[in-house]
N, C-alpha and C. Protein backbone atom coordinates (compact mmCIF):
# COMPACT_ATOMS: atom_id res chain seq x y z
N UNK A 1 97.98 85.48 104.76
CA UNK A 1 98.69 86.75 104.72
C UNK A 1 99.92 86.65 103.81
N UNK A 2 100.67 85.57 103.94
CA UNK A 2 101.88 85.41 103.14
C UNK A 2 101.54 85.31 101.67
N UNK A 3 100.45 84.61 101.34
CA UNK A 3 100.04 84.50 99.93
C UNK A 3 99.69 85.87 99.39
N UNK A 4 99.02 86.69 100.19
CA UNK A 4 98.66 88.05 99.77
C UNK A 4 99.91 88.87 99.48
N UNK A 5 100.92 88.78 100.34
CA UNK A 5 102.16 89.54 100.14
C UNK A 5 102.84 89.11 98.84
N UNK A 6 102.83 87.81 98.55
CA UNK A 6 103.45 87.34 97.31
C UNK A 6 102.70 87.87 96.10
N UNK A 7 101.38 87.92 96.18
CA UNK A 7 100.58 88.46 95.08
C UNK A 7 100.88 89.93 94.90
N UNK A 8 100.94 90.70 96.00
CA UNK A 8 101.22 92.13 95.92
C UNK A 8 102.58 92.35 95.31
N UNK A 9 103.59 91.62 95.77
CA UNK A 9 104.95 91.77 95.24
C UNK A 9 104.99 91.38 93.77
N UNK A 10 104.27 90.31 93.41
CA UNK A 10 104.25 89.86 92.03
C UNK A 10 103.63 90.88 91.11
N UNK A 11 102.60 91.57 91.56
CA UNK A 11 101.92 92.57 90.74
C UNK A 11 102.68 93.88 90.68
N UNK A 12 103.49 94.15 91.67
CA UNK A 12 104.18 95.44 91.71
C UNK A 12 105.46 95.46 90.89
N UNK A 13 105.89 94.31 90.43
CA UNK A 13 107.15 94.27 89.69
C UNK A 13 108.35 94.31 90.62
N UNK A 14 108.11 94.17 91.93
CA UNK A 14 109.18 94.28 92.92
C UNK A 14 109.57 92.89 93.40
N UNK A 15 110.06 92.04 92.50
CA UNK A 15 110.35 90.66 92.85
C UNK A 15 111.83 90.38 93.07
N UNK A 16 112.70 91.21 92.61
CA UNK A 16 114.13 90.97 92.68
C UNK A 16 114.60 90.88 94.13
N UNK A 17 115.34 89.83 94.47
CA UNK A 17 115.85 89.67 95.82
C UNK A 17 117.10 90.51 96.04
N UNK A 18 117.97 90.61 95.02
CA UNK A 18 119.20 91.38 95.13
C UNK A 18 118.88 92.86 94.89
N UNK A 19 119.50 93.72 95.68
CA UNK A 19 119.25 95.16 95.56
C UNK A 19 119.68 95.66 94.18
N UNK A 20 118.76 96.30 93.43
CA UNK A 20 119.14 96.86 92.13
C UNK A 20 120.13 98.01 92.31
N UNK A 21 120.95 98.25 91.31
CA UNK A 21 121.96 99.31 91.41
C UNK A 21 121.34 100.69 91.53
N UNK A 22 120.14 100.91 90.98
CA UNK A 22 119.53 102.24 91.02
C UNK A 22 119.12 102.66 92.43
N UNK A 23 119.00 101.73 93.37
CA UNK A 23 118.59 102.07 94.74
C UNK A 23 119.60 103.00 95.39
N UNK A 24 120.89 102.73 95.22
CA UNK A 24 121.91 103.54 95.86
C UNK A 24 122.63 104.51 94.93
N UNK A 25 122.65 104.21 93.63
CA UNK A 25 123.41 105.06 92.72
C UNK A 25 122.57 106.19 92.12
N UNK A 26 121.24 106.12 92.26
CA UNK A 26 120.34 107.16 91.75
C UNK A 26 120.67 107.54 90.31
N UNK A 27 120.60 106.58 89.39
CA UNK A 27 120.93 106.90 88.00
C UNK A 27 119.90 107.84 87.40
N UNK A 28 120.33 108.61 86.45
CA UNK A 28 119.42 109.51 85.75
C UNK A 28 118.51 108.73 84.82
N UNK A 29 117.58 109.44 84.26
CA UNK A 29 116.66 108.82 83.33
C UNK A 29 117.25 108.74 81.95
N UNK A 30 116.50 108.21 81.03
CA UNK A 30 116.93 108.12 79.66
C UNK A 30 116.99 109.53 79.06
N UNK A 31 117.96 109.78 78.22
CA UNK A 31 118.07 111.07 77.57
C UNK A 31 118.44 112.21 78.51
N UNK A 32 119.14 111.90 79.59
CA UNK A 32 119.60 112.94 80.51
C UNK A 32 118.52 113.54 81.40
N UNK A 33 117.38 112.87 81.54
CA UNK A 33 116.30 113.38 82.38
C UNK A 33 116.67 113.23 83.86
N UNK A 34 116.04 114.06 84.69
CA UNK A 34 116.25 114.02 86.14
C UNK A 34 115.52 112.81 86.70
N UNK A 35 116.16 112.13 87.66
CA UNK A 35 115.55 110.95 88.28
C UNK A 35 115.68 111.04 89.79
N UNK A 36 114.85 110.29 90.49
CA UNK A 36 114.89 110.25 91.94
C UNK A 36 114.44 108.90 92.45
N UNK A 37 114.87 108.57 93.65
CA UNK A 37 114.46 107.32 94.29
C UNK A 37 113.78 107.68 95.60
N UNK A 38 112.56 107.19 95.77
CA UNK A 38 111.83 107.38 97.03
C UNK A 38 111.71 106.04 97.72
N UNK A 39 111.63 106.07 99.04
CA UNK A 39 111.50 104.82 99.78
C UNK A 39 110.59 105.00 100.98
N UNK A 40 110.08 103.88 101.46
CA UNK A 40 109.24 103.90 102.66
C UNK A 40 109.24 102.50 103.27
N UNK A 41 109.41 102.45 104.58
CA UNK A 41 109.31 101.17 105.28
C UNK A 41 107.84 100.79 105.40
N UNK A 42 107.53 99.64 105.94
CA UNK A 42 106.14 99.20 106.11
C UNK A 42 105.33 100.32 106.74
N UNK A 43 104.14 100.51 106.24
CA UNK A 43 103.28 101.60 106.69
C UNK A 43 102.11 101.02 107.49
N UNK A 44 101.73 101.72 108.53
CA UNK A 44 100.63 101.27 109.38
C UNK A 44 99.33 101.12 108.60
N UNK A 45 99.18 101.89 107.52
CA UNK A 45 97.96 101.83 106.71
C UNK A 45 98.09 100.92 105.49
N UNK A 46 99.10 100.06 105.47
CA UNK A 46 99.23 99.06 104.43
C UNK A 46 100.10 99.45 103.25
N UNK A 47 100.10 98.55 102.26
CA UNK A 47 100.98 98.70 101.10
C UNK A 47 100.65 99.94 100.27
N UNK A 48 99.38 100.24 100.10
CA UNK A 48 98.99 101.40 99.29
C UNK A 48 99.57 102.69 99.88
N UNK A 49 99.48 102.86 101.19
CA UNK A 49 100.03 104.04 101.85
C UNK A 49 101.56 104.04 101.75
N UNK A 50 102.17 102.88 101.89
CA UNK A 50 103.62 102.76 101.77
C UNK A 50 104.07 103.20 100.37
N UNK A 51 103.34 102.77 99.37
CA UNK A 51 103.66 103.13 97.98
C UNK A 51 103.49 104.64 97.76
N UNK A 52 102.43 105.22 98.28
CA UNK A 52 102.19 106.65 98.13
C UNK A 52 103.31 107.48 98.74
N UNK A 53 103.78 107.08 99.93
CA UNK A 53 104.86 107.80 100.60
C UNK A 53 106.15 107.69 99.78
N UNK A 54 106.46 106.48 99.28
CA UNK A 54 107.67 106.29 98.48
C UNK A 54 107.62 107.14 97.21
N UNK A 55 106.47 107.19 96.56
CA UNK A 55 106.32 108.01 95.35
C UNK A 55 106.49 109.48 95.68
N UNK A 56 105.87 109.93 96.76
CA UNK A 56 105.98 111.34 97.16
C UNK A 56 107.44 111.71 97.43
N UNK A 57 108.17 110.81 98.07
CA UNK A 57 109.58 111.08 98.36
C UNK A 57 110.42 111.10 97.09
N UNK A 58 110.09 110.24 96.12
CA UNK A 58 110.79 110.27 94.84
C UNK A 58 110.53 111.58 94.11
N UNK A 59 109.29 112.06 94.14
CA UNK A 59 108.96 113.35 93.53
C UNK A 59 109.67 114.49 94.24
N UNK A 60 109.77 114.40 95.57
CA UNK A 60 110.50 115.42 96.33
C UNK A 60 111.95 115.50 95.87
N UNK A 61 112.58 114.35 95.66
CA UNK A 61 113.98 114.32 95.23
C UNK A 61 114.14 114.93 93.84
N UNK A 62 113.20 114.64 92.94
CA UNK A 62 113.24 115.23 91.60
C UNK A 62 113.05 116.74 91.68
N UNK A 63 112.11 117.18 92.51
CA UNK A 63 111.84 118.61 92.65
C UNK A 63 113.06 119.36 93.17
N UNK A 64 113.77 118.76 94.12
CA UNK A 64 114.99 119.39 94.65
C UNK A 64 116.01 119.58 93.54
N UNK A 65 116.18 118.58 92.69
CA UNK A 65 117.13 118.67 91.59
C UNK A 65 116.73 119.73 90.56
N UNK A 66 115.43 120.01 90.50
CA UNK A 66 114.93 121.03 89.57
C UNK A 66 114.85 122.41 90.23
N UNK A 67 115.45 122.54 91.42
CA UNK A 67 115.47 123.79 92.17
C UNK A 67 114.09 124.30 92.55
N UNK A 68 113.22 123.38 92.90
CA UNK A 68 111.90 123.73 93.40
C UNK A 68 111.97 123.67 94.92
N UNK A 69 111.34 124.63 95.59
CA UNK A 69 111.37 124.68 97.04
C UNK A 69 110.52 123.56 97.63
N UNK A 70 111.11 122.78 98.52
CA UNK A 70 110.41 121.67 99.17
C UNK A 70 110.40 121.92 100.67
N UNK A 71 109.28 121.66 101.28
CA UNK A 71 109.18 121.78 102.72
C UNK A 71 108.43 120.57 103.24
N UNK A 72 109.08 119.76 104.06
CA UNK A 72 108.45 118.58 104.65
C UNK A 72 108.32 118.76 106.15
N UNK A 73 107.26 118.24 106.70
CA UNK A 73 107.07 118.32 108.15
C UNK A 73 106.45 117.03 108.64
N UNK A 74 106.80 116.65 109.84
CA UNK A 74 106.23 115.47 110.48
C UNK A 74 105.79 115.83 111.88
N UNK A 75 104.57 115.47 112.21
CA UNK A 75 104.05 115.67 113.55
C UNK A 75 103.88 114.30 114.18
N UNK A 76 104.40 114.13 115.38
CA UNK A 76 104.25 112.86 116.06
C UNK A 76 103.80 113.13 117.49
N UNK A 77 102.84 112.38 117.92
CA UNK A 77 102.36 112.55 119.28
C UNK A 77 102.07 111.21 119.93
N UNK A 78 102.20 111.16 121.22
CA UNK A 78 101.88 109.96 121.97
C UNK A 78 100.85 110.31 123.03
N UNK A 79 99.82 109.52 123.11
CA UNK A 79 98.80 109.73 124.12
C UNK A 79 98.70 108.49 124.98
N UNK A 80 98.45 108.67 126.22
CA UNK A 80 98.35 107.53 127.12
C UNK A 80 96.97 107.45 127.76
N UNK A 81 96.55 106.24 128.00
CA UNK A 81 95.29 105.98 128.71
C UNK A 81 95.56 104.92 129.76
N UNK A 82 94.58 104.67 130.56
CA UNK A 82 94.73 103.66 131.59
C UNK A 82 94.95 102.27 130.97
N UNK A 83 94.34 102.04 129.80
CA UNK A 83 94.42 100.73 129.15
C UNK A 83 95.72 100.53 128.38
N UNK A 84 96.37 101.61 128.04
CA UNK A 84 97.59 101.45 127.25
C UNK A 84 98.02 102.77 126.62
N UNK A 85 98.90 102.68 125.66
CA UNK A 85 99.43 103.86 125.00
C UNK A 85 99.21 103.74 123.49
N UNK A 86 98.91 104.84 122.85
CA UNK A 86 98.80 104.83 121.40
C UNK A 86 99.66 105.95 120.84
N UNK A 87 100.21 105.71 119.66
CA UNK A 87 101.06 106.69 119.00
C UNK A 87 100.45 107.03 117.65
N UNK A 88 100.48 108.29 117.29
CA UNK A 88 99.99 108.68 115.98
C UNK A 88 101.04 109.56 115.31
N UNK A 89 101.05 109.50 113.99
CA UNK A 89 102.02 110.30 113.24
C UNK A 89 101.34 110.83 111.98
N UNK A 90 101.59 112.08 111.68
CA UNK A 90 101.05 112.69 110.47
C UNK A 90 102.22 113.31 109.72
N UNK A 91 102.28 113.05 108.42
CA UNK A 91 103.38 113.57 107.62
C UNK A 91 102.82 114.14 106.33
N UNK A 92 103.37 115.25 105.88
CA UNK A 92 102.93 115.80 104.61
C UNK A 92 104.09 116.48 103.92
N UNK A 93 103.92 116.69 102.64
CA UNK A 93 104.93 117.36 101.84
C UNK A 93 104.28 118.56 101.18
N UNK A 94 104.85 119.73 101.38
CA UNK A 94 104.36 120.95 100.76
C UNK A 94 105.38 121.36 99.71
N UNK A 95 104.95 121.43 98.47
CA UNK A 95 105.85 121.81 97.40
C UNK A 95 105.42 123.16 96.85
N UNK A 96 106.31 124.12 96.92
CA UNK A 96 106.07 125.42 96.33
C UNK A 96 106.67 125.39 94.93
N UNK A 97 105.81 125.42 93.95
CA UNK A 97 106.26 125.29 92.58
C UNK A 97 106.05 126.62 91.87
N UNK A 98 107.13 127.19 91.38
CA UNK A 98 107.07 128.47 90.69
C UNK A 98 106.77 128.23 89.20
N UNK A 99 105.49 128.05 88.90
CA UNK A 99 105.00 127.81 87.53
C UNK A 99 105.68 126.60 86.89
N UNK A 100 105.99 125.60 87.70
CA UNK A 100 106.57 124.36 87.20
C UNK A 100 105.72 123.21 87.70
N UNK A 101 105.60 122.19 86.89
CA UNK A 101 104.92 120.98 87.30
C UNK A 101 105.96 119.90 87.51
N UNK A 102 105.92 119.27 88.67
CA UNK A 102 106.85 118.19 88.95
C UNK A 102 106.08 116.89 88.76
N UNK A 103 106.39 116.20 87.68
CA UNK A 103 105.73 114.92 87.41
C UNK A 103 106.79 113.92 86.94
N UNK A 104 106.50 112.65 87.15
CA UNK A 104 107.48 111.62 86.82
C UNK A 104 106.79 110.30 86.51
N UNK A 105 107.55 109.41 85.92
CA UNK A 105 107.08 108.07 85.61
C UNK A 105 107.87 107.08 86.46
N UNK A 106 107.19 106.10 87.02
CA UNK A 106 107.86 105.05 87.79
C UNK A 106 108.52 104.09 86.81
N UNK A 107 109.84 103.96 86.91
CA UNK A 107 110.60 103.08 86.03
C UNK A 107 110.77 101.68 86.62
N UNK A 108 110.87 101.61 87.96
CA UNK A 108 111.05 100.31 88.60
C UNK A 108 110.76 100.45 90.09
N UNK A 109 110.52 99.32 90.73
CA UNK A 109 110.35 99.31 92.18
C UNK A 109 110.94 98.03 92.74
N UNK A 110 111.29 98.07 94.02
CA UNK A 110 111.91 96.92 94.66
C UNK A 110 111.59 96.94 96.15
N UNK A 111 111.29 95.79 96.71
CA UNK A 111 111.04 95.66 98.14
C UNK A 111 112.19 94.87 98.75
N UNK A 112 112.84 95.46 99.75
CA UNK A 112 113.90 94.78 100.48
C UNK A 112 113.27 93.61 101.24
N UNK A 113 113.70 92.37 100.95
CA UNK A 113 113.07 91.22 101.59
C UNK A 113 113.31 91.15 103.10
N UNK A 114 114.33 91.82 103.59
CA UNK A 114 114.64 91.79 105.02
C UNK A 114 113.84 92.83 105.79
N UNK A 115 113.85 94.07 105.30
CA UNK A 115 113.20 95.17 106.03
C UNK A 115 111.80 95.49 105.52
N UNK A 116 111.43 94.96 104.35
CA UNK A 116 110.16 95.24 103.68
C UNK A 116 110.03 96.71 103.27
N UNK A 117 111.19 97.39 103.15
CA UNK A 117 111.18 98.78 102.68
C UNK A 117 110.98 98.78 101.17
N UNK A 118 110.08 99.63 100.70
CA UNK A 118 109.79 99.76 99.28
C UNK A 118 110.61 100.89 98.70
N UNK A 119 111.28 100.64 97.58
CA UNK A 119 112.05 101.64 96.86
C UNK A 119 111.41 101.84 95.50
N UNK A 120 111.26 103.09 95.08
CA UNK A 120 110.64 103.42 93.80
C UNK A 120 111.59 104.32 93.03
N UNK A 121 111.96 103.92 91.81
CA UNK A 121 112.82 104.72 90.94
C UNK A 121 111.91 105.48 89.98
N UNK A 122 112.03 106.80 89.99
CA UNK A 122 111.17 107.66 89.18
C UNK A 122 112.03 108.54 88.27
N UNK A 123 111.55 108.76 87.04
CA UNK A 123 112.24 109.61 86.08
C UNK A 123 111.29 110.73 85.69
N UNK A 124 111.78 111.96 85.73
CA UNK A 124 110.97 113.13 85.41
C UNK A 124 110.45 113.04 83.98
N UNK A 125 109.19 113.45 83.81
CA UNK A 125 108.58 113.46 82.47
C UNK A 125 109.08 114.64 81.67
């Protein structure tokens, strides 16, 4: 498992141990373009789902800066059985775009080695 995580981190470009400045300062893109940072902690469905959520959140941040209406909702439920308890969560992002396309390029990514939270820096196209 540990070898797999190292391979995933190595391929993702998220190897830096020290937090990059863009994680907290949200720098803009080159040429004055709008930028956003999305993040996601470890996901129950693995790294691919974690990456998708972080990207979606980065796009949400860019859309907000472009004055596009964003609506996010999360549904969480807990069900119990005699054998134990299970929890499920569903999250989605609804973007109302008024004849605008919100698209971006991933400029960098970083995984916090302590929390395993993935951060993605995106710049609007």
